[in-house]
Amino acid sequence: MSYSVELDFRSDTVTQPCAEMREAMANAPVGDDVYGDDPTVLELEHYVAETLGKESALFVSSGTQSNLLAILSHCERGDEYICSQYAHLYKYEAGGAAVLGSVQPQPMLANADGTLDLDAAERLIKPDDMHFARTRLLCIENTIGGIPLPLEYEQQLRAFKQSTGLALHLDGARIANAAVYHGCSLKDLVEVFDSVSICLSKGLGAPIGSILVGRSDLIAKARRWRKMLGGGWRQAGVLAAAARIAFDRRDSLAQDHARAQELAERLSSLDFISVDQSLVKTNMVFAQIDCDHDALKAELSKHGISLSLGKPTRLVVHRHISQKSIDTLIAVLSTVK
């Protein structure tokens, strides 16, 4: 059976541009972004920076590139950043900061809610001694596994920043999901951070792109790094036009969260699947599926259903997952012995 985005539960990165986005892309005023004169890119960057209460922003191709630019802009060769050992920018981004910037990671265990023990993090800061890398940066991720960080954690981060002098970077790939969950603004969630990366092509639904925000001097440095890494693009306003529409659709994520809750409940009703429903906070469901995964994958494929089967299996609800999508998945799973 042919591919169907309506039955693709692998990730919210599979979302496709809607008719409004395609029209905006076709009609976007464009320039050359390397020269800094693409009006649609400039408008997107100004709007996102203003919304988040930051001085400046940089539109880039991916969250991986955005996180890398942040680390390289905060740190110099021989510096280090502290992060969770499960952090996306440490575990899933190909070691870019170490390979390309000679910036070493200092991973540490995260708490069950995704926070880092900041007292433990402070103990990891290296002394000012020529034997050690210079600790410059603490990287935090929100959300982690679909779970938003507690609101009160920001005050702890503020105190940590004041006592240590470290800069703070937020990998906020799905920070919009966290804001919807908490019922607060994006600005409220990012105020304490020196830089923030937001992915526009996940739940928000843009076809491509992330945006890095922060101080003007930091973003200027990131822009230079982007060019050096081959990330300068020309008439990028074609993409920025869709990203602008996506950024304003943050409230629609609430429907994804509600459908994820329903999906978790219905999966739990099947005797070979278990889900800890208390961990379903936004648009992700993690399920333990106790059956032959190869046979299940073959059966799902017959019905055009895409899952990333694993231990556990992550199912992600996005703007194309409808009530019918969930009904179809549950119906097929109900036939599994």
C-alpha atoms as a PDB file:
ATOM      1  CA  MET A   1       0.000   0.000   0.000  1.00  0.00           C
ATOM      2  CA  SER A   2       1.206   3.516  -0.783  1.00  0.00           C
ATOM      3  CA  TYR A   3       2.531   5.832   1.909  1.00  0.00           C
ATOM      4  CA  SER A   4       0.010   7.852   3.920  1.00  0.00           C
ATOM      5  CA  VAL A   5       1.066  10.695   6.187  1.00  0.00           C
ATOM      6  CA  GLU A   6      -2.287  10.277   7.977  1.00  0.00           C
ATOM      7  CA  LEU A   7      -1.060   6.875   9.201  1.00  0.00           C
ATOM      8  CA  ASP A   8       2.565   7.793   9.904  1.00  0.00           C
ATOM      9  CA  PHE A   9       3.140   7.725  13.674  1.00  0.00           C
ATOM     10  CA  ARG A  10       6.959   7.732  13.498  1.00  0.00           C
ATOM     11  CA  SER A  11       7.486  11.429  14.180  1.00  0.00           C
ATOM     12  CA  ASP A  12       5.983  14.894  13.879  1.00  0.00           C
ATOM     13  CA  THR A  13       8.725  15.630  11.343  1.00  0.00           C
ATOM     14  CA  VAL A  14       6.634  13.907   8.661  1.00  0.00           C
ATOM     15  CA  THR A  15       4.091  16.741   8.496  1.00  0.00           C
ATOM     16  CA  GLN A  16       3.530  18.197   5.045  1.00  0.00           C
ATOM     17  CA  PRO A  17       2.875  21.813   4.031  1.00  0.00           C
ATOM     18  CA  CYS A  18      -0.784  22.751   3.751  1.00  0.00           C
ATOM     19  CA  ALA A  19      -2.362  24.625   0.857  1.00  0.00           C
ATOM     20  CA  GLU A  20      -1.913  27.959   2.656  1.00  0.00           C
ATOM     21  CA  MET A  21       1.794  27.289   3.092  1.00  0.00           C
ATOM     22  CA  ARG A  22       2.226  26.255  -0.526  1.00  0.00           C
ATOM     23  CA  GLU A  23       0.506  29.426  -1.718  1.00  0.00           C
ATOM     24  CA  ALA A  24       2.643  31.564   0.596  1.00  0.00           C
ATOM     25  CA  MET A  25       5.784  29.830  -0.661  1.00  0.00           C
ATOM     26  CA  ALA A  26       4.811  30.457  -4.283  1.00  0.00           C
ATOM     27  CA  ASN A  27       4.165  34.148  -3.681  1.00  0.00           C
ATOM     28  CA  ALA A  28       6.850  35.004  -1.104  1.00  0.00           C
ATOM     29  CA  PRO A  29       8.938  38.123  -1.731  1.00  0.00           C
ATOM     30  CA  VAL A  30      12.544  36.914  -1.777  1.00  0.00           C
ATOM     31  CA  GLY A  31      16.091  38.233  -1.867  1.00  0.00           C
ATOM     32  CA  ASP A  32      19.487  36.754  -1.110  1.00  0.00           C
ATOM     33  CA  ASP A  33      19.679  35.735   2.542  1.00  0.00           C
ATOM     34  CA  VAL A  34      23.492  35.550   2.529  1.00  0.00           C
ATOM     35  CA  TYR A  35      23.451  39.278   1.731  1.00  0.00           C
ATOM     36  CA  GLY A  36      20.805  39.731   4.405  1.00  0.00           C
ATOM     37  CA  ASP A  37      18.185  41.121   2.054  1.00  0.00           C
ATOM     38  CA  ASP A  38      15.530  38.418   1.852  1.00  0.00           C
ATOM     39  CA  PRO A  39      12.484  40.282   3.238  1.00  0.00           C
ATOM     40  CA  THR A  40      10.507  37.169   4.141  1.00  0.00           C
ATOM     41  CA  VAL A  41      13.404  35.687   6.107  1.00  0.00           C
ATOM     42  CA  LEU A  42      14.024  39.006   7.859  1.00  0.00           C
ATOM     43  CA  GLU A  43      10.373  39.302   8.813  1.00  0.00           C
ATOM     44  CA  LEU A  44      10.314  35.758  10.224  1.00  0.00           C
ATOM     45  CA  GLU A  45      13.497  36.309  12.227  1.00  0.00           C
ATOM     46  CA  HIS A  46      12.278  39.622  13.649  1.00  0.00           C
ATOM     47  CA  TYR A  47       8.863  38.194  14.524  1.00  0.00           C
ATOM     48  CA  VAL A  48      10.194  35.104  16.307  1.00  0.00           C
ATOM     49  CA  ALA A  49      12.832  37.088  18.211  1.00  0.00           C
ATOM     50  CA  GLU A  50      10.236  39.621  19.322  1.00  0.00           C
ATOM     51  CA  THR A  51       7.784  36.901  20.357  1.00  0.00           C
ATOM     52  CA  LEU A  52      10.437  35.214  22.501  1.00  0.00           C
ATOM     53  CA  GLY A  53      11.719  38.471  23.965  1.00  0.00           C
ATOM     54  CA  LYS A  54      15.183  38.123  22.461  1.00  0.00           C
ATOM     55  CA  GLU A  55      17.282  40.591  20.478  1.00  0.00           C
ATOM     56  CA  SER A  56      17.901  38.662  17.297  1.00  0.00           C
ATOM     57  CA  ALA A  57      17.234  35.421  15.406  1.00  0.00           C
ATOM     58  CA  LEU A  58      18.716  33.285  12.650  1.00  0.00           C
ATOM     59  CA  PHE A  59      16.703  31.030  10.331  1.00  0.00           C
ATOM     60  CA  VAL A  60      18.569  27.771   9.620  1.00  0.00           C
ATOM     61  CA  SER A  61      17.935  24.462   7.914  1.00  0.00           C
ATOM     62  CA  SER A  62      17.581  22.161  10.922  1.00  0.00           C
ATOM     63  CA  GLY A  63      17.537  21.794  14.681  1.00  0.00           C
ATOM     64  CA  THR A  64      20.882  20.008  14.542  1.00  0.00           C
ATOM     65  CA  GLN A  65      22.422  22.984  12.767  1.00  0.00           C
ATOM     66  CA  SER A  66      20.773  25.430  15.171  1.00  0.00           C
ATOM     67  CA  ASN A  67      22.094  23.632  18.261  1.00  0.00           C
ATOM     68  CA  LEU A  68      25.544  23.326  16.721  1.00  0.00           C
ATOM     69  CA  LEU A  69      25.674  27.030  15.885  1.00  0.00           C
ATOM     70  CA  ALA A  70      24.663  27.869  19.454  1.00  0.00           C
ATOM     71  CA  ILE A  71      27.413  25.744  21.004  1.00  0.00           C
ATOM     72  CA  LEU A  72      30.067  27.043  18.601  1.00  0.00           C
ATOM     73  CA  SER A  73      28.975  30.621  19.291  1.00  0.00           C
ATOM     74  CA  HIS A  74      29.044  30.262  23.064  1.00  0.00           C
ATOM     75  CA  CYS A  75      32.280  28.247  23.209  1.00  0.00           C
ATOM     76  CA  GLU A  76      35.808  28.321  21.808  1.00  0.00           C
ATOM     77  CA  ARG A  77      38.188  25.459  21.027  1.00  0.00           C
ATOM     78  CA  GLY A  78      39.040  23.615  24.242  1.00  0.00           C
ATOM     79  CA  ASP A  79      35.828  24.658  25.979  1.00  0.00           C
ATOM     80  CA  GLU A  80      33.069  22.301  27.120  1.00  0.00           C
ATOM     81  CA  TYR A  81      29.329  22.227  27.607  1.00  0.00           C
ATOM     82  CA  ILE A  82      27.334  20.282  30.214  1.00  0.00           C
ATOM     83  CA  CYS A  83      24.202  18.431  29.165  1.00  0.00           C
ATOM     84  CA  SER A  84      22.091  15.352  29.828  1.00  0.00           C
ATOM     85  CA  GLN A  85      23.500  12.085  28.531  1.00  0.00           C
ATOM     86  CA  TYR A  86      20.146  11.687  26.754  1.00  0.00           C
ATOM     87  CA  ALA A  87      20.172  15.181  25.253  1.00  0.00           C
ATOM     88  CA  HIS A  88      19.480  15.236  21.546  1.00  0.00           C
ATOM     89  CA  LEU A  89      22.391  17.599  20.898  1.00  0.00           C
ATOM     90  CA  TYR A  90      24.734  15.131  22.609  1.00  0.00           C
ATOM     91  CA  LYS A  91      23.351  11.741  21.607  1.00  0.00           C
ATOM     92  CA  TYR A  92      21.737  12.249  18.201  1.00  0.00           C
ATOM     93  CA  GLU A  93      23.640  15.051  16.463  1.00  0.00           C
ATOM     94  CA  ALA A  94      26.737  13.152  15.324  1.00  0.00           C
ATOM     95  CA  GLY A  95      29.136  14.753  17.793  1.00  0.00           C
ATOM     96  CA  GLY A  96      29.194  17.932  15.711  1.00  0.00           C
ATOM     97  CA  ALA A  97      30.432  20.297  18.427  1.00  0.00           C
ATOM     98  CA  ALA A  98      33.403  18.050  19.190  1.00  0.00           C
ATOM     99  CA  VAL A  99      34.189  17.232  15.562  1.00  0.00           C
ATOM    100  CA  LEU A 100      33.748  20.688  14.064  1.00  0.00           C
ATOM    101  CA  GLY A 101      34.389  23.015  16.984  1.00  0.00           C
ATOM    102  CA  SER A 102      36.728  21.089  19.302  1.00  0.00           C
ATOM    103  CA  VAL A 103      34.178  21.682  22.064  1.00  0.00           C
ATOM    104  CA  GLN A 104      33.850  18.694  24.362  1.00  0.00           C
ATOM    105  CA  PRO A 105      30.573  17.563  25.937  1.00  0.00           C
ATOM    106  CA  GLN A 106      30.320  16.777  29.637  1.00  0.00           C
ATOM    107  CA  PRO A 107      27.210  14.575  29.871  1.00  0.00           C
ATOM    108  CA  MET A 108      25.442  13.835  33.147  1.00  0.00           C
ATOM    109  CA  LEU A 109      22.456  11.783  34.234  1.00  0.00           C
ATOM    110  CA  ALA A 110      19.079  13.504  34.016  1.00  0.00           C
ATOM    111  CA  ASN A 111      16.291  13.197  36.558  1.00  0.00           C
ATOM    112  CA  ALA A 112      13.127  11.273  35.701  1.00  0.00           C
ATOM    113  CA  ASP A 113      11.332  14.515  34.757  1.00  0.00           C
ATOM    114  CA  GLY A 114      14.082  15.534  32.334  1.00  0.00           C
ATOM    115  CA  THR A 115      15.665  18.143  34.607  1.00  0.00           C
ATOM    116  CA  LEU A 116      19.313  18.157  35.532  1.00  0.00           C
ATOM    117  CA  ASP A 117      20.420  18.219  39.167  1.00  0.00           C
ATOM    118  CA  LEU A 118      21.952  21.684  39.141  1.00  0.00           C
ATOM    119  CA  ASP A 119      24.011  21.080  42.267  1.00  0.00           C
ATOM    120  CA  ALA A 120      25.544  18.077  40.524  1.00  0.00           C
ATOM    121  CA  ALA A 121      26.022  20.152  37.373  1.00  0.00           C
ATOM    122  CA  GLU A 122      27.867  22.803  39.351  1.00  0.00           C
ATOM    123  CA  ARG A 123      30.229  20.166  40.721  1.00  0.00           C
ATOM    124  CA  LEU A 124      31.111  19.219  37.125  1.00  0.00           C
ATOM    125  CA  ILE A 125      32.405  22.693  36.327  1.00  0.00           C
ATOM    126  CA  LYS A 126      36.142  22.427  35.798  1.00  0.00           C
ATOM    127  CA  PRO A 127      38.603  24.533  37.820  1.00  0.00           C
ATOM    128  CA  ASP A 128      40.400  27.339  36.019  1.00  0.00           C
ATOM    129  CA  ASP A 129      43.466  25.208  35.395  1.00  0.00           C
ATOM    130  CA  MET A 130      45.420  24.440  32.214  1.00  0.00           C
ATOM    131  CA  HIS A 131      44.817  20.713  32.716  1.00  0.00           C
ATOM    132  CA  PHE A 132      41.084  21.046  32.114  1.00  0.00           C
ATOM    133  CA  ALA A 133      38.674  22.129  29.438  1.00  0.00           C
ATOM    134  CA  ARG A 134      36.958  25.412  30.223  1.00  0.00           C
ATOM    135  CA  THR A 135      33.321  24.916  31.196  1.00  0.00           C
ATOM    136  CA  ARG A 136      31.284  27.593  29.431  1.00  0.00           C
ATOM    137  CA  LEU A 137      27.757  26.393  28.814  1.00  0.00           C
ATOM    138  CA  LEU A 138      24.847  24.388  30.216  1.00  0.00           C
ATOM    139  CA  CYS A 139      22.451  22.917  27.658  1.00  0.00           C
ATOM    140  CA  ILE A 140      18.862  22.075  28.600  1.00  0.00           C
ATOM    141  CA  GLU A 141      16.198  20.364  26.491  1.00  0.00           C
ATOM    142  CA  ASN A 142      12.439  21.005  26.587  1.00  0.00           C
ATOM    143  CA  THR A 143      10.480  18.815  25.961  1.00  0.00           C
ATOM    144  CA  ILE A 144      12.219  15.488  26.610  1.00  0.00           C
ATOM    145  CA  GLY A 145      10.365  12.408  25.431  1.00  0.00           C
ATOM    146  CA  GLY A 146       7.304  14.595  25.126  1.00  0.00           C
ATOM    147  CA  ILE A 147       7.489  15.658  28.782  1.00  0.00           C
ATOM    148  CA  PRO A 148       7.715  19.415  29.466  1.00  0.00           C
ATOM    149  CA  LEU A 149      10.078  20.634  32.154  1.00  0.00           C
ATOM    150  CA  PRO A 150       8.415  21.911  35.348  1.00  0.00           C
ATOM    151  CA  LEU A 151       7.725  25.642  35.355  1.00  0.00           C
ATOM    152  CA  GLU A 152       9.560  26.132  38.640  1.00  0.00           C
ATOM    153  CA  TYR A 153      12.774  24.774  37.114  1.00  0.00           C
ATOM    154  CA  GLU A 154      13.384  28.120  35.410  1.00  0.00           C
ATOM    155  CA  GLN A 155      13.960  29.787  38.780  1.00  0.00           C
ATOM    156  CA  GLN A 156      16.502  27.120  39.674  1.00  0.00           C
ATOM    157  CA  LEU A 157      18.255  27.723  36.360  1.00  0.00           C
ATOM    158  CA  ARG A 158      18.317  31.450  37.050  1.00  0.00           C
ATOM    159  CA  ALA A 159      20.021  30.882  40.392  1.00  0.00           C
ATOM    160  CA  PHE A 160      22.485  28.453  38.769  1.00  0.00           C
ATOM    161  CA  LYS A 161      23.363  30.994  36.101  1.00  0.00           C
ATOM    162  CA  GLN A 162      23.946  33.721  38.660  1.00  0.00           C
ATOM    163  CA  SER A 163      26.135  31.558  40.886  1.00  0.00           C
ATOM    164  CA  THR A 164      28.250  29.939  38.160  1.00  0.00           C
ATOM    165  CA  GLY A 165      28.396  32.488  35.355  1.00  0.00           C
ATOM    166  CA  LEU A 166      27.719  29.784  32.780  1.00  0.00           C
ATOM    167  CA  ALA A 167      25.660  30.622  29.725  1.00  0.00           C
ATOM    168  CA  LEU A 168      22.416  28.676  29.180  1.00  0.00           C
ATOM    169  CA  HIS A 169      21.256  27.212  25.873  1.00  0.00           C
ATOM    170  CA  LEU A 170      17.824  25.681  25.367  1.00  0.00           C
ATOM    171  CA  ASP A 171      17.229  22.988  22.793  1.00  0.00           C
ATOM    172  CA  GLY A 172      13.574  23.894  22.472  1.00  0.00           C
ATOM    173  CA  ALA A 173      12.788  21.761  19.439  1.00  0.00           C
ATOM    174  CA  ARG A 174       9.283  21.215  20.836  1.00  0.00           C
ATOM    175  CA  ILE A 175       9.109  24.188  23.204  1.00  0.00           C
ATOM    176  CA  ALA A 176       5.759  25.149  21.647  1.00  0.00           C
ATOM    177  CA  ASN A 177       4.322  21.856  22.919  1.00  0.00           C
ATOM    178  CA  ALA A 178       5.601  22.719  26.395  1.00  0.00           C
ATOM    179  CA  ALA A 179       4.022  26.183  26.252  1.00  0.00           C
ATOM    180  CA  VAL A 180       0.656  24.737  25.222  1.00  0.00           C
ATOM    181  CA  TYR A 181       0.859  22.119  27.973  1.00  0.00           C
ATOM    182  CA  HIS A 182       1.598  24.727  30.649  1.00  0.00           C
ATOM    183  CA  GLY A 183      -0.817  27.285  29.220  1.00  0.00           C
ATOM    184  CA  CYS A 184       1.851  29.980  29.100  1.00  0.00           C
ATOM    185  CA  SER A 185       3.720  31.995  26.480  1.00  0.00           C
ATOM    186  CA  LEU A 186       6.919  30.951  24.769  1.00  0.00           C
ATOM    187  CA  LYS A 187       8.543  34.047  26.240  1.00  0.00           C
ATOM    188  CA  ASP A 188       7.790  32.805  29.755  1.00  0.00           C
ATOM    189  CA  LEU A 189       9.599  29.521  29.089  1.00  0.00           C
ATOM    190  CA  VAL A 190      12.750  30.948  27.501  1.00  0.00           C
ATOM    191  CA  GLU A 191      13.434  34.129  29.459  1.00  0.00           C
ATOM    192  CA  VAL A 192      16.370  32.750  31.454  1.00  0.00           C
ATOM    193  CA  PHE A 193      18.204  31.306  28.430  1.00  0.00           C
ATOM    194  CA  ASP A 194      20.952  33.068  26.492  1.00  0.00           C
ATOM    195  CA  SER A 195      20.065  31.184  23.328  1.00  0.00           C
ATOM    196  CA  VAL A 196      17.111  29.090  22.218  1.00  0.00           C
ATOM    197  CA  SER A 197      16.663  26.734  19.275  1.00  0.00           C
ATOM    198  CA  ILE A 198      13.108  26.143  18.045  1.00  0.00           C
ATOM    199  CA  CYS A 199      12.204  23.597  15.388  1.00  0.00           C
ATOM    200  CA  LEU A 200       9.490  24.811  13.017  1.00  0.00           C
ATOM    201  CA  SER A 201       9.225  21.566  11.027  1.00  0.00           C
ATOM    202  CA  LYS A 202       8.002  19.226  13.771  1.00  0.00           C
ATOM    203  CA  GLY A 203       4.568  19.686  15.321  1.00  0.00           C
ATOM    204  CA  LEU A 204       4.267  23.216  13.961  1.00  0.00           C
ATOM    205  CA  GLY A 205       4.281  21.738  10.473  1.00  0.00           C
ATOM    206  CA  ALA A 206       6.708  23.801   8.377  1.00  0.00           C
ATOM    207  CA  PRO A 207       8.346  21.799   5.571  1.00  0.00           C
ATOM    208  CA  ILE A 208      11.853  22.709   6.751  1.00  0.00           C
ATOM    209  CA  GLY A 209      13.698  24.942   9.165  1.00  0.00           C
ATOM    210  CA  SER A 210      14.617  25.857  12.722  1.00  0.00           C
ATOM    211  CA  ILE A 211      15.386  29.212  14.251  1.00  0.00           C
ATOM    212  CA  LEU A 212      18.040  30.250  16.762  1.00  0.00           C
ATOM    213  CA  VAL A 213      17.362  33.278  18.964  1.00  0.00           C
ATOM    214  CA  GLY A 214      19.546  35.164  21.406  1.00  0.00           C
ATOM    215  CA  ARG A 215      21.615  38.322  21.866  1.00  0.00           C
ATOM    216  CA  SER A 216      22.526  40.214  18.708  1.00  0.00           C
ATOM    217  CA  ASP A 217      26.257  39.595  19.118  1.00  0.00           C
ATOM    218  CA  LEU A 218      25.722  35.863  19.635  1.00  0.00           C
ATOM    219  CA  ILE A 219      23.472  35.585  16.572  1.00  0.00           C
ATOM    220  CA  ALA A 220      26.016  37.512  14.480  1.00  0.00           C
ATOM    221  CA  LYS A 221      28.621  34.949  15.484  1.00  0.00           C
ATOM    222  CA  ALA A 222      26.205  32.115  14.669  1.00  0.00           C
ATOM    223  CA  ARG A 223      25.552  33.638  11.255  1.00  0.00           C
ATOM    224  CA  ARG A 224      29.276  33.529  10.491  1.00  0.00           C
ATOM    225  CA  TRP A 225      29.463  29.894  11.651  1.00  0.00           C
ATOM    226  CA  ARG A 226      26.440  29.054   9.495  1.00  0.00           C
ATOM    227  CA  LYS A 227      28.222  30.400   6.420  1.00  0.00           C
ATOM    228  CA  MET A 228      31.412  28.498   7.278  1.00  0.00           C
ATOM    229  CA  LEU A 229      29.445  25.271   7.619  1.00  0.00           C
ATOM    230  CA  GLY A 230      27.835  25.702   4.222  1.00  0.00           C
ATOM    231  CA  GLY A 231      24.504  26.755   5.670  1.00  0.00           C
ATOM    232  CA  GLY A 232      24.161  30.052   3.844  1.00  0.00           C
ATOM    233  CA  TRP A 233      21.120  29.957   1.615  1.00  0.00           C
ATOM    234  CA  ARG A 234      19.871  32.308  -1.038  1.00  0.00           C
ATOM    235  CA  GLN A 235      16.145  32.825  -1.747  1.00  0.00           C
ATOM    236  CA  ALA A 236      15.235  31.208   1.563  1.00  0.00           C
ATOM    237  CA  GLY A 237      12.115  33.339   1.856  1.00  0.00           C
ATOM    238  CA  VAL A 238      10.313  30.569  -0.036  1.00  0.00           C
ATOM    239  CA  LEU A 239      10.840  28.406   3.066  1.00  0.00           C
ATOM    240  CA  ALA A 240      10.478  31.214   5.598  1.00  0.00           C
ATOM    241  CA  ALA A 241       6.988  31.975   4.280  1.00  0.00           C
ATOM    242  CA  ALA A 242       5.781  28.516   5.284  1.00  0.00           C
ATOM    243  CA  ALA A 243       7.693  28.677   8.572  1.00  0.00           C
ATOM    244  CA  ARG A 244       5.942  31.953   9.445  1.00  0.00           C
ATOM    245  CA  ILE A 245       2.537  30.323   9.061  1.00  0.00           C
ATOM    246  CA  ALA A 246       3.663  27.318  11.089  1.00  0.00           C
ATOM    247  CA  PHE A 247       4.938  29.462  13.968  1.00  0.00           C
ATOM    248  CA  ASP A 248       1.506  31.042  14.383  1.00  0.00           C
ATOM    249  CA  ARG A 249      -0.230  27.668  14.635  1.00  0.00           C
ATOM    250  CA  ARG A 250       1.019  26.885  18.126  1.00  0.00           C
ATOM    251  CA  ASP A 251      -2.460  26.622  19.632  1.00  0.00           C
ATOM    252  CA  SER A 252      -3.315  23.750  17.275  1.00  0.00           C
ATOM    253  CA  LEU A 253      -0.901  21.552  19.234  1.00  0.00           C
ATOM    254  CA  ALA A 254      -3.533  21.167  21.957  1.00  0.00           C
ATOM    255  CA  GLN A 255      -5.488  18.882  19.623  1.00  0.00           C
ATOM    256  CA  ASP A 256      -2.398  16.717  19.119  1.00  0.00           C
ATOM    257  CA  HIS A 257      -2.002  16.434  22.897  1.00  0.00           C
ATOM    258  CA  ALA A 258      -5.637  15.390  23.341  1.00  0.00           C
ATOM    259  CA  ARG A 259      -5.359  12.761  20.622  1.00  0.00           C
ATOM    260  CA  ALA A 260      -2.160  11.413  22.166  1.00  0.00           C
ATOM    261  CA  GLN A 261      -4.047  10.914  25.427  1.00  0.00           C
ATOM    262  CA  GLU A 262      -6.782   9.018  23.601  1.00  0.00           C
ATOM    263  CA  LEU A 263      -4.227   6.941  21.719  1.00  0.00           C
ATOM    264  CA  ALA A 264      -2.516   5.987  24.985  1.00  0.00           C
ATOM    265  CA  GLU A 265      -5.810   4.935  26.543  1.00  0.00           C
ATOM    266  CA  ARG A 266      -6.847   2.813  23.580  1.00  0.00           C
ATOM    267  CA  LEU A 267      -3.436   1.176  23.227  1.00  0.00           C
ATOM    268  CA  SER A 268      -3.568   0.258  26.918  1.00  0.00           C
ATOM    269  CA  SER A 269      -6.820  -1.612  26.316  1.00  0.00           C
ATOM    270  CA  LEU A 270      -4.976  -4.167  24.165  1.00  0.00           C
ATOM    271  CA  ASP A 271      -3.627  -7.064  26.219  1.00  0.00           C
ATOM    272  CA  PHE A 272      -0.204  -7.193  24.521  1.00  0.00           C
ATOM    273  CA  ILE A 273       0.496  -3.453  24.845  1.00  0.00           C
ATOM    274  CA  SER A 274       1.302  -1.461  27.965  1.00  0.00           C
ATOM    275  CA  VAL A 275       1.535   2.307  28.277  1.00  0.00           C
ATOM    276  CA  ASP A 276       2.320   4.439  31.314  1.00  0.00           C
ATOM    277  CA  GLN A 277      -0.397   6.982  30.679  1.00  0.00           C
ATOM    278  CA  SER A 278       0.934   9.312  33.373  1.00  0.00           C
ATOM    279  CA  LEU A 279       3.913  10.053  31.107  1.00  0.00           C
ATOM    280  CA  VAL A 280       1.772  11.205  28.185  1.00  0.00           C
ATOM    281  CA  LYS A 281       1.923  14.988  28.534  1.00  0.00           C
ATOM    282  CA  THR A 282       2.078  16.320  24.994  1.00  0.00           C
ATOM    283  CA  ASN A 283       2.092  14.529  21.624  1.00  0.00           C
ATOM    284  CA  MET A 284       4.172  11.422  22.352  1.00  0.00           C
ATOM    285  CA  VAL A 285       3.167   7.974  23.525  1.00  0.00           C
ATOM    286  CA  PHE A 286       5.694   5.304  24.513  1.00  0.00           C
ATOM    287  CA  ALA A 287       4.320   1.765  24.343  1.00  0.00           C
ATOM    288  CA  GLN A 288       5.740  -1.623  25.227  1.00  0.00           C
ATOM    289  CA  ILE A 289       4.442  -3.911  22.468  1.00  0.00           C
ATOM    290  CA  ASP A 290       4.848  -7.577  23.359  1.00  0.00           C
ATOM    291  CA  CYS A 291       4.633  -9.465  20.074  1.00  0.00           C
ATOM    292  CA  ASP A 292       6.728 -10.450  17.075  1.00  0.00           C
ATOM    293  CA  HIS A 293       7.798  -7.050  15.755  1.00  0.00           C
ATOM    294  CA  ASP A 294       8.714  -8.336  12.310  1.00  0.00           C
ATOM    295  CA  ALA A 295       5.283  -9.889  11.841  1.00  0.00           C
ATOM    296  CA  LEU A 296       3.615  -6.764  13.228  1.00  0.00           C
ATOM    297  CA  LYS A 297       5.572  -4.502  10.893  1.00  0.00           C
ATOM    298  CA  ALA A 298       4.502  -6.590   7.914  1.00  0.00           C
ATOM    299  CA  GLU A 299       0.852  -6.426   8.984  1.00  0.00           C
ATOM    300  CA  LEU A 300       0.973  -2.668   9.570  1.00  0.00           C
ATOM    301  CA  SER A 301       2.603  -2.157   6.184  1.00  0.00           C
ATOM    302  CA  LYS A 302      -0.352  -3.844   4.470  1.00  0.00           C
ATOM    303  CA  HIS A 303      -2.541  -1.046   5.803  1.00  0.00           C
ATOM    304  CA  GLY A 304      -0.091   1.791   5.099  1.00  0.00           C
ATOM    305  CA  ILE A 305       0.713   2.314   8.793  1.00  0.00           C
ATOM    306  CA  SER A 306       4.207   3.480   9.715  1.00  0.00           C
ATOM    307  CA  LEU A 307       5.605   2.894  13.228  1.00  0.00           C
ATOM    308  CA  SER A 308       9.161   2.967  14.567  1.00  0.00           C
ATOM    309  CA  LEU A 309       8.916  -0.302  16.459  1.00  0.00           C
ATOM    310  CA  GLY A 310      11.295  -0.578  19.386  1.00  0.00           C
ATOM    311  CA  LYS A 311      11.609  -1.141  23.121  1.00  0.00           C
ATOM    312  CA  PRO A 312       9.651   0.974  23.769  1.00  0.00           C
ATOM    313  CA  THR A 313       7.877   2.044  20.600  1.00  0.00           C
ATOM    314  CA  ARG A 314       7.407   5.790  20.253  1.00  0.00           C
ATOM    315  CA  LEU A 315       4.187   6.948  18.613  1.00  0.00           C
ATOM    316  CA  VAL A 316       3.956  10.638  17.773  1.00  0.00           C
ATOM    317  CA  VAL A 317       0.718  12.480  17.098  1.00  0.00           C
ATOM    318  CA  HIS A 318       0.879  15.398  14.658  1.00  0.00           C
ATOM    319  CA  ARG A 319      -1.422  17.623  12.625  1.00  0.00           C
ATOM    320  CA  HIS A 320      -2.219  14.860  10.091  1.00  0.00           C
ATOM    321  CA  ILE A 321      -3.147  12.249  12.709  1.00  0.00           C
ATOM    322  CA  SER A 322      -6.936  12.373  12.894  1.00  0.00           C
ATOM    323  CA  GLN A 323      -9.529  10.431  14.808  1.00  0.00           C
ATOM    324  CA  LYS A 324      -9.769   8.133  11.791  1.00  0.00           C
ATOM    325  CA  SER A 325      -5.994   7.569  11.908  1.00  0.00           C
ATOM    326  CA  ILE A 326      -6.207   6.376  15.503  1.00  0.00           C
ATOM    327  CA  ASP A 327      -9.260   4.226  14.764  1.00  0.00           C
ATOM    328  CA  THR A 328      -7.423   2.544  11.878  1.00  0.00           C
ATOM    329  CA  LEU A 329      -4.310   1.843  13.942  1.00  0.00           C
ATOM    330  CA  ILE A 330      -6.290   0.357  16.844  1.00  0.00           C
ATOM    331  CA  ALA A 331      -8.388  -1.749  14.470  1.00  0.00           C
ATOM    332  CA  VAL A 332      -5.294  -3.268  12.871  1.00  0.00           C
ATOM    333  CA  LEU A 333      -3.550  -3.819  16.213  1.00  0.00           C
ATOM    334  CA  SER A 334      -6.701  -5.527  17.515  1.00  0.00           C
ATOM    335  CA  THR A 335      -6.239  -8.281  14.910  1.00  0.00           C
ATOM    336  CA  VAL A 336      -2.747  -9.138  16.182  1.00  0.00           C
ATOM    337  CA  LYS A 337      -2.525 -12.400  18.140  1.00  0.00           C
END
